[in-house]
Amino acid sequence: METLKELLAIGKQYFDSKQYAQAESYFRRVLEKNGRYADVLNMLGVINHAEGRFSTAVEFFQDALKLNPHYTEAILNLAVLHNDLGQYQEARKLYSKLKTSKIGSAPRIEPVLSGKLSNLHADVGDIYRSIGMNKQAIEEYKKALILNPRYLDIRTKLAAALRENNELVNSLKELKTVLRSNAKYLPAIIQLGITYYSMGKNSEAVKSWKKVLAENPENENAHMYIKLCESVSGYGKKVKKKVNRGHYA
């Protein structure tokens, strides 16, 4: 029979790898032995939020805060959940518990907490996008970027979600914003090529993917997309013909 410590360790391993069903099974066994673990209650709240069991998630976060009223992660997780449910007043009450700047100045969440909130919104966005709910994913990514506009990975995810929602011009705009900040950010260049391809701009798409290969010749995605573009559009054949004509002239 596993000890309480072993149950916790195994449950956290499953949780960290996002194998939530297995993690939940172990955490519930922990609660059966000893219910006074705020971090276990918080993780069960995260699992139920991810699985769409929102009322149960709220209960777990609240139970965690009964044990530890200053448990920052549980406060943040519950605030994000209330915000996602449109319960903005409840979310604001929780935000007010977080440490802010001096009295009399405008409330400001500290950078570490702001980063945590951004990543939580992005994680929820990833879940929505994975099941094709692109409008909801876009909203979550935008919430994350309001808190931290410089998170290039989240802005790149926003661009992909916009494209999948058929907002190609907006997708292009977000990707160009990323690349103005970091012209060599390869995930954004890959996505730029995909957006160009979706717009029917095959030559621009191939140029983008070749930029990726110039930085990383082993990038499998870039190779695959160029090959796909050439086979579907005949782009590569057109280039070869022009080269041959120039060679034999």
Protein backbone atom coordinates (compact mmCIF):
# COMPACT_ATOMS: atom_id res chain seq x y z
CA MET A 1 0.00 0.00 0.00
CA GLU A 2 1.35 3.43 -0.97
CA THR A 3 2.10 5.92 1.76
CA LEU A 4 0.57 9.40 1.73
CA LYS A 5 3.89 10.81 0.51
CA GLU A 6 4.03 8.31 -2.36
CA LEU A 7 0.44 9.06 -3.41
CA LEU A 8 1.26 12.77 -3.48
CA ALA A 9 4.44 12.27 -5.51
CA ILE A 10 2.76 10.03 -8.10
CA GLY A 11 -0.25 12.36 -8.37
CA LYS A 12 2.02 15.38 -8.95
CA GLN A 13 3.95 13.53 -11.65
CA TYR A 14 0.71 12.81 -13.52
CA PHE A 15 -0.44 16.40 -12.95
CA ASP A 16 2.80 17.90 -14.31
CA SER A 17 2.48 15.78 -17.47
CA LYS A 18 -1.20 16.84 -17.79
CA GLN A 19 -2.46 13.26 -17.35
CA TYR A 20 -5.33 14.65 -15.36
CA ALA A 21 -7.51 11.56 -14.96
CA GLN A 22 -4.69 9.63 -13.32
CA ALA A 23 -3.64 12.63 -11.22
CA GLU A 24 -7.19 13.14 -9.96
CA SER A 25 -7.43 9.49 -8.93
CA TYR A 26 -4.31 9.76 -6.76
CA PHE A 27 -5.24 13.14 -5.30
CA ARG A 28 -8.65 11.86 -4.22
CA ARG A 29 -6.94 9.00 -2.45
CA VAL A 30 -4.79 11.58 -0.67
CA LEU A 31 -7.91 13.43 0.47
CA GLU A 32 -9.40 10.20 1.76
CA LYS A 33 -6.37 9.79 4.01
CA ASN A 34 -5.95 13.46 4.95
CA GLY A 35 -8.06 16.26 3.49
CA ARG A 36 -5.93 19.13 4.80
CA TYR A 37 -3.67 19.68 1.78
CA ALA A 38 -4.30 23.05 0.16
CA ASP A 39 -2.01 22.31 -2.81
CA VAL A 40 -3.87 19.08 -3.58
CA LEU A 41 -7.20 20.90 -3.47
CA ASN A 42 -5.77 23.60 -5.75
CA MET A 43 -4.54 21.03 -8.28
CA LEU A 44 -7.91 19.29 -8.23
CA GLY A 45 -9.43 22.69 -8.98
CA VAL A 46 -7.11 23.11 -11.97
CA ILE A 47 -8.01 19.63 -13.24
CA ASN A 48 -11.75 20.24 -12.97
CA HIS A 49 -11.38 23.65 -14.66
CA ALA A 50 -9.51 22.02 -17.55
CA GLU A 51 -12.16 19.31 -17.82
CA GLY A 52 -15.01 21.84 -17.89
CA ARG A 53 -16.42 20.95 -14.45
CA PHE A 54 -16.49 24.57 -13.38
CA SER A 55 -18.69 24.42 -10.25
CA THR A 56 -16.58 21.58 -8.85
CA ALA A 57 -13.41 23.53 -9.66
CA VAL A 58 -14.73 26.56 -7.75
CA GLU A 59 -15.43 24.36 -4.71
CA PHE A 60 -11.90 22.92 -4.72
CA PHE A 61 -10.27 26.37 -5.00
CA GLN A 62 -12.48 27.69 -2.20
CA ASP A 63 -11.62 24.70 0.00
CA ALA A 64 -7.92 25.34 -0.63
CA LEU A 65 -8.36 28.97 0.45
CA LYS A 66 -10.20 27.94 3.60
CA LEU A 67 -7.07 26.04 4.59
CA ASN A 68 -4.70 28.79 3.42
CA PRO A 69 -6.37 32.18 2.78
CA HIS A 70 -3.08 33.58 1.42
CA TYR A 71 -2.46 30.76 -1.08
CA THR A 72 -1.55 32.89 -4.11
CA GLU A 73 -1.92 30.19 -6.78
CA ALA A 74 -5.38 29.22 -5.58
CA ILE A 75 -6.43 32.89 -5.53
CA LEU A 76 -5.14 33.37 -9.08
CA ASN A 77 -6.69 30.16 -10.36
CA LEU A 78 -10.06 30.99 -8.85
CA ALA A 79 -9.89 34.55 -10.17
CA VAL A 80 -9.19 33.31 -13.69
CA LEU A 81 -12.07 30.83 -13.45
CA HIS A 82 -14.52 33.52 -12.27
CA ASN A 83 -13.30 35.77 -15.09
CA ASP A 84 -13.82 33.01 -17.67
CA LEU A 85 -17.35 32.46 -16.35
CA GLY A 86 -18.11 36.17 -16.72
CA GLN A 87 -18.27 36.61 -12.95
CA TYR A 88 -16.17 39.75 -13.07
CA GLN A 89 -17.13 41.12 -9.67
CA GLU A 90 -15.98 37.95 -7.93
CA ALA A 91 -12.75 38.00 -9.95
CA ARG A 92 -12.06 41.63 -8.96
CA LYS A 93 -12.54 40.79 -5.28
CA LEU A 94 -9.90 38.10 -5.57
CA TYR A 95 -7.52 40.34 -7.49
CA SER A 96 -7.78 42.86 -4.64
CA LYS A 97 -6.26 40.28 -2.30
CA LEU A 98 -3.05 40.25 -4.30
CA LYS A 99 -0.19 42.51 -3.30
CA THR A 100 -0.39 45.82 -5.13
CA SER A 101 1.57 49.05 -5.25
CA LYS A 102 1.47 51.85 -2.66
CA ILE A 103 -1.80 53.01 -1.14
CA GLY A 104 -3.30 55.84 -3.17
CA SER A 105 -1.72 54.73 -6.44
CA ALA A 106 -3.45 52.71 -9.11
CA PRO A 107 -3.58 48.98 -8.32
CA ARG A 108 -0.79 47.08 -10.02
CA ILE A 109 -0.20 43.34 -9.94
CA GLU A 110 3.44 42.49 -9.35
CA PRO A 111 5.32 41.15 -12.42
CA VAL A 112 5.57 37.58 -11.09
CA LEU A 113 1.83 37.41 -10.44
CA SER A 114 1.08 39.11 -13.74
CA GLY A 115 3.15 36.47 -15.53
CA LYS A 116 1.31 33.72 -13.70
CA LEU A 117 -2.05 35.18 -14.74
CA SER A 118 -0.92 35.48 -18.36
CA ASN A 119 0.14 31.87 -18.49
CA LEU A 120 -3.11 30.72 -16.89
CA HIS A 121 -5.13 32.57 -19.53
CA ALA A 122 -2.89 31.12 -22.25
CA ASP A 123 -3.38 27.58 -20.88
CA VAL A 124 -7.16 28.03 -21.00
CA GLY A 125 -6.78 29.42 -24.54
CA ASP A 126 -4.85 26.30 -25.52
CA ILE A 127 -7.67 24.11 -24.25
CA TYR A 128 -10.31 26.08 -26.17
CA ARG A 129 -8.20 26.01 -29.34
CA SER A 130 -7.61 22.26 -29.04
CA ILE A 131 -11.37 21.63 -29.28
CA GLY A 132 -11.96 24.13 -32.07
CA MET A 133 -13.45 26.93 -29.95
CA ASN A 134 -11.30 29.56 -31.60
CA LYS A 135 -13.28 32.64 -30.57
CA GLN A 136 -12.94 31.70 -26.90
CA ALA A 137 -9.25 30.91 -27.42
CA ILE A 138 -8.71 34.34 -28.98
CA GLU A 139 -10.34 36.01 -25.98
CA GLU A 140 -8.07 34.14 -23.55
CA TYR A 141 -4.89 34.94 -25.49
CA LYS A 142 -5.89 38.61 -25.63
CA LYS A 143 -6.47 38.64 -21.85
CA ALA A 144 -3.00 37.17 -21.40
CA LEU A 145 -1.45 39.82 -23.64
CA ILE A 146 -3.18 42.68 -21.83
CA LEU A 147 -1.21 41.60 -18.76
CA ASN A 148 2.03 40.95 -20.65
CA PRO A 149 2.15 42.34 -24.21
CA ARG A 150 5.74 41.15 -24.71
CA TYR A 151 5.00 37.43 -24.45
CA LEU A 152 5.88 36.49 -28.03
CA ASP A 153 4.84 32.86 -27.69
CA ILE A 154 1.31 33.83 -26.62
CA ARG A 155 0.99 36.44 -29.39
CA THR A 156 2.05 33.78 -31.88
CA LYS A 157 -0.66 31.47 -30.52
CA LEU A 158 -3.14 34.35 -30.87
CA ALA A 159 -2.15 34.75 -34.51
CA ALA A 160 -2.70 31.04 -35.16
CA ALA A 161 -6.12 31.12 -33.49
CA LEU A 162 -7.09 34.19 -35.53
CA ARG A 163 -6.11 32.40 -38.73
CA GLU A 164 -8.13 29.34 -37.72
CA ASN A 165 -11.05 31.69 -37.14
CA ASN A 166 -10.59 32.96 -40.72
CA GLU A 167 -9.27 36.35 -39.54
CA LEU A 168 -6.26 36.22 -41.86
CA VAL A 169 -5.45 39.94 -41.93
CA ASN A 170 -5.48 40.13 -38.13
CA SER A 171 -3.34 36.99 -37.96
CA LEU A 172 -0.79 38.60 -40.26
CA LYS A 173 -0.82 41.79 -38.18
CA GLU A 174 -0.07 39.93 -34.93
CA LEU A 175 2.76 37.93 -36.48
CA LYS A 176 4.38 41.07 -37.88
CA THR A 177 4.15 42.58 -34.39
CA VAL A 178 6.03 39.57 -33.01
CA LEU A 179 8.71 39.79 -35.68
CA ARG A 180 9.25 43.50 -35.09
CA SER A 181 10.22 42.53 -31.55
CA ASN A 182 12.34 39.56 -32.61
CA ALA A 183 12.97 39.09 -36.32
CA LYS A 184 14.46 35.64 -35.73
CA TYR A 185 11.66 34.16 -33.62
CA LEU A 186 11.23 30.97 -35.65
CA PRO A 187 7.79 29.85 -34.37
CA ALA A 188 6.34 33.17 -35.60
CA ILE A 189 8.09 32.88 -38.98
CA ILE A 190 6.66 29.38 -39.41
CA GLN A 191 3.17 30.68 -38.58
CA LEU A 192 3.69 33.65 -40.91
CA GLY A 193 4.30 31.23 -43.76
CA ILE A 194 1.15 29.29 -42.91
CA THR A 195 -0.92 32.48 -42.84
CA TYR A 196 0.52 33.60 -46.18
CA TYR A 197 -0.28 30.16 -47.60
CA SER A 198 -3.85 30.43 -46.27
CA MET A 199 -4.14 33.77 -48.07
CA GLY A 200 -3.02 32.18 -51.34
CA LYS A 201 0.36 33.96 -51.24
CA ASN A 202 2.43 30.87 -51.88
CA SER A 203 5.66 32.61 -52.86
CA GLU A 204 5.59 34.66 -49.65
CA ALA A 205 4.90 31.50 -47.67
CA VAL A 206 7.91 29.72 -49.15
CA LYS A 207 10.12 32.76 -48.50
CA SER A 208 9.11 32.69 -44.84
CA TRP A 209 9.89 28.99 -44.45
CA LYS A 210 13.24 29.41 -46.22
CA LYS A 211 14.12 32.08 -43.67
CA VAL A 212 13.52 29.45 -41.00
CA LEU A 213 15.84 27.01 -42.79
CA ALA A 214 18.51 29.71 -43.05
CA GLU A 215 18.54 29.83 -39.25
CA ASN A 216 17.83 26.16 -38.62
CA PRO A 217 18.48 23.89 -41.63
CA GLU A 218 17.10 20.89 -39.72
CA ASN A 219 13.67 22.39 -39.07
CA GLU A 220 11.32 19.60 -40.13
CA ASN A 221 8.21 21.78 -40.28
CA ALA A 222 9.79 24.24 -42.70
CA HIS A 223 10.97 21.41 -44.96
CA MET A 224 7.57 19.75 -44.86
CA TYR A 225 5.63 22.94 -45.60
CA ILE A 226 7.86 23.92 -48.51
CA LYS A 227 7.49 20.45 -50.00
CA LEU A 228 3.72 20.60 -49.54
CA CYS A 229 3.51 24.04 -51.11
CA GLU A 230 5.56 22.93 -54.11
CA SER A 231 3.54 19.77 -54.67
CA VAL A 232 0.16 21.48 -54.36
CA SER A 233 0.83 24.72 -56.21
CA GLY A 234 3.64 23.76 -58.52
CA TYR A 235 5.60 26.65 -57.09
CA GLY A 236 8.87 24.74 -57.08
CA LYS A 237 8.43 23.66 -60.70
CA LYS A 238 7.92 27.27 -61.81
CA VAL A 239 11.13 28.31 -60.09
CA LYS A 240 13.07 25.46 -61.69
CA LYS A 241 11.80 26.35 -65.18
CA LYS A 242 12.97 29.95 -64.76
CA VAL A 243 16.39 28.76 -63.62
CA ASN A 244 16.68 26.33 -66.54
CA ARG A 245 15.75 28.98 -69.11
CA GLY A 246 18.39 31.28 -67.66
CA HIS A 247 20.97 28.50 -67.74
CA TYR A 248 20.46 27.42 -71.36
CA ALA A 249 19.94 30.87 -72.81
